[in-house]
Amino acid sequence: MSDEQPLRWSEEQLKRRKQRNIALALVLIGLVVLFFVVTIAKLGGNVAKRPSYGSLGVIEQVAVSEHSADASRHFG
């Protein structure tokens, strides 16, 4: 074992570290907002018009029937 003292952060280093953390947090928040806005823009007004189903089984049945309709359009 050595008798070295642990390194201590200076006040300036702590200040810069805090500023970097704040900047990183702002960038991450900005990305979340950007992804949210892009998602809403891509979905558009269709979100309010889509039917709501009571069970997951009905949703799966609709997804399967839509998939088969798409496949018949492309390959049929």
C-alpha atoms as a PDB file:
ATOM      1  CA  MET A   1       0.000   0.000   0.000  1.00  0.00           C
ATOM      2  CA  SER A   2       1.175   3.484  -0.701  1.00  0.00           C
ATOM      3  CA  ASP A   3       0.799   6.550   1.465  1.00  0.00           C
ATOM      4  CA  GLU A   4      -0.390   8.758  -1.398  1.00  0.00           C
ATOM      5  CA  GLN A   5      -3.204  11.175  -0.732  1.00  0.00           C
ATOM      6  CA  PRO A   6      -6.312  10.787  -2.898  1.00  0.00           C
ATOM      7  CA  LEU A   7      -6.658  13.411  -5.608  1.00  0.00           C
ATOM      8  CA  ARG A   8      -9.045  16.250  -4.809  1.00  0.00           C
ATOM      9  CA  TRP A   9     -10.998  18.225  -7.368  1.00  0.00           C
ATOM     10  CA  SER A  10     -10.307  21.937  -7.407  1.00  0.00           C
ATOM     11  CA  GLU A  11     -13.174  24.411  -7.218  1.00  0.00           C
ATOM     12  CA  GLU A  12     -12.665  25.293 -10.895  1.00  0.00           C
ATOM     13  CA  GLN A  13     -12.803  21.626 -11.920  1.00  0.00           C
ATOM     14  CA  LEU A  14     -15.970  21.072  -9.898  1.00  0.00           C
ATOM     15  CA  LYS A  15     -17.551  24.149 -11.473  1.00  0.00           C
ATOM     16  CA  ARG A  16     -16.695  22.960 -15.006  1.00  0.00           C
ATOM     17  CA  ARG A  17     -17.931  19.465 -14.237  1.00  0.00           C
ATOM     18  CA  LYS A  18     -21.261  20.846 -13.036  1.00  0.00           C
ATOM     19  CA  GLN A  19     -21.556  23.003 -16.178  1.00  0.00           C
ATOM     20  CA  ARG A  20     -20.864  19.969 -18.397  1.00  0.00           C
ATOM     21  CA  ASN A  21     -23.485  17.950 -16.531  1.00  0.00           C
ATOM     22  CA  ILE A  22     -26.052  20.712 -16.964  1.00  0.00           C
ATOM     23  CA  ALA A  23     -25.214  21.021 -20.664  1.00  0.00           C
ATOM     24  CA  LEU A  24     -25.526  17.255 -21.129  1.00  0.00           C
ATOM     25  CA  ALA A  25     -28.874  17.237 -19.315  1.00  0.00           C
ATOM     26  CA  LEU A  26     -30.156  20.027 -21.580  1.00  0.00           C
ATOM     27  CA  VAL A  27     -29.025  18.134 -24.689  1.00  0.00           C
ATOM     28  CA  LEU A  28     -30.769  14.966 -23.513  1.00  0.00           C
ATOM     29  CA  ILE A  29     -33.967  16.862 -22.702  1.00  0.00           C
ATOM     30  CA  GLY A  30     -33.776  18.483 -26.138  1.00  0.00           C
ATOM     31  CA  LEU A  31     -33.481  15.079 -27.811  1.00  0.00           C
ATOM     32  CA  VAL A  32     -36.467  13.748 -25.893  1.00  0.00           C
ATOM     33  CA  VAL A  33     -38.529  16.763 -26.953  1.00  0.00           C
ATOM     34  CA  LEU A  34     -37.333  16.408 -30.552  1.00  0.00           C
ATOM     35  CA  PHE A  35     -38.249  12.703 -30.694  1.00  0.00           C
ATOM     36  CA  PHE A  36     -41.652  13.454 -29.172  1.00  0.00           C
ATOM     37  CA  VAL A  37     -42.383  16.220 -31.681  1.00  0.00           C
ATOM     38  CA  VAL A  38     -41.248  14.098 -34.630  1.00  0.00           C
ATOM     39  CA  THR A  39     -43.375  11.179 -33.436  1.00  0.00           C
ATOM     40  CA  ILE A  40     -46.456  13.347 -33.064  1.00  0.00           C
ATOM     41  CA  ALA A  41     -45.816  14.949 -36.471  1.00  0.00           C
ATOM     42  CA  LYS A  42     -45.491  11.536 -38.146  1.00  0.00           C
ATOM     43  CA  LEU A  43     -48.644  10.196 -36.507  1.00  0.00           C
ATOM     44  CA  GLY A  44     -50.537  13.369 -37.343  1.00  0.00           C
ATOM     45  CA  GLY A  45     -54.269  13.517 -36.836  1.00  0.00           C
ATOM     46  CA  ASN A  46     -54.670   9.775 -37.316  1.00  0.00           C
ATOM     47  CA  VAL A  47     -54.059   9.132 -33.649  1.00  0.00           C
ATOM     48  CA  ALA A  48     -57.468  10.481 -32.668  1.00  0.00           C
ATOM     49  CA  LYS A  49     -59.226   8.594 -35.497  1.00  0.00           C
ATOM     50  CA  ARG A  50     -57.878   5.111 -34.842  1.00  0.00           C
ATOM     51  CA  PRO A  51     -60.270   2.656 -33.224  1.00  0.00           C
ATOM     52  CA  SER A  52     -59.731   1.618 -29.647  1.00  0.00           C
ATOM     53  CA  TYR A  53     -59.987  -2.078 -28.898  1.00  0.00           C
ATOM     54  CA  GLY A  54     -60.792  -3.678 -25.595  1.00  0.00           C
ATOM     55  CA  SER A  55     -58.371  -6.576 -25.718  1.00  0.00           C
ATOM     56  CA  LEU A  56     -54.981  -7.375 -27.109  1.00  0.00           C
ATOM     57  CA  GLY A  57     -56.369 -10.324 -29.067  1.00  0.00           C
ATOM     58  CA  VAL A  58     -58.526  -8.044 -31.202  1.00  0.00           C
ATOM     59  CA  ILE A  59     -55.540  -5.801 -31.913  1.00  0.00           C
ATOM     60  CA  GLU A  60     -53.491  -8.825 -32.978  1.00  0.00           C
ATOM     61  CA  GLN A  61     -56.292 -10.005 -35.266  1.00  0.00           C
ATOM     62  CA  VAL A  62     -56.487  -6.595 -36.932  1.00  0.00           C
ATOM     63  CA  ALA A  63     -52.700  -6.471 -37.323  1.00  0.00           C
ATOM     64  CA  VAL A  64     -52.674  -9.929 -38.935  1.00  0.00           C
ATOM     65  CA  SER A  65     -55.518  -9.077 -41.313  1.00  0.00           C
ATOM     66  CA  GLU A  66     -53.847  -5.788 -42.293  1.00  0.00           C
ATOM     67  CA  HIS A  67     -50.583  -7.618 -42.888  1.00  0.00           C
ATOM     68  CA  SER A  68     -52.238 -10.198 -45.099  1.00  0.00           C
ATOM     69  CA  ALA A  69     -54.050  -7.457 -47.043  1.00  0.00           C
ATOM     70  CA  ASP A  70     -50.738  -5.648 -47.597  1.00  0.00           C
ATOM     71  CA  ALA A  71     -49.106  -8.874 -48.739  1.00  0.00           C
ATOM     72  CA  SER A  72     -51.880  -9.642 -51.225  1.00  0.00           C
ATOM     73  CA  ARG A  73     -51.615  -6.132 -52.647  1.00  0.00           C
ATOM     74  CA  HIS A  74     -47.873  -6.454 -53.151  1.00  0.00           C
ATOM     75  CA  PHE A  75     -47.724 -10.055 -54.318  1.00  0.00           C
ATOM     76  CA  GLY A  76     -51.179 -10.751 -55.676  1.00  0.00           C
END
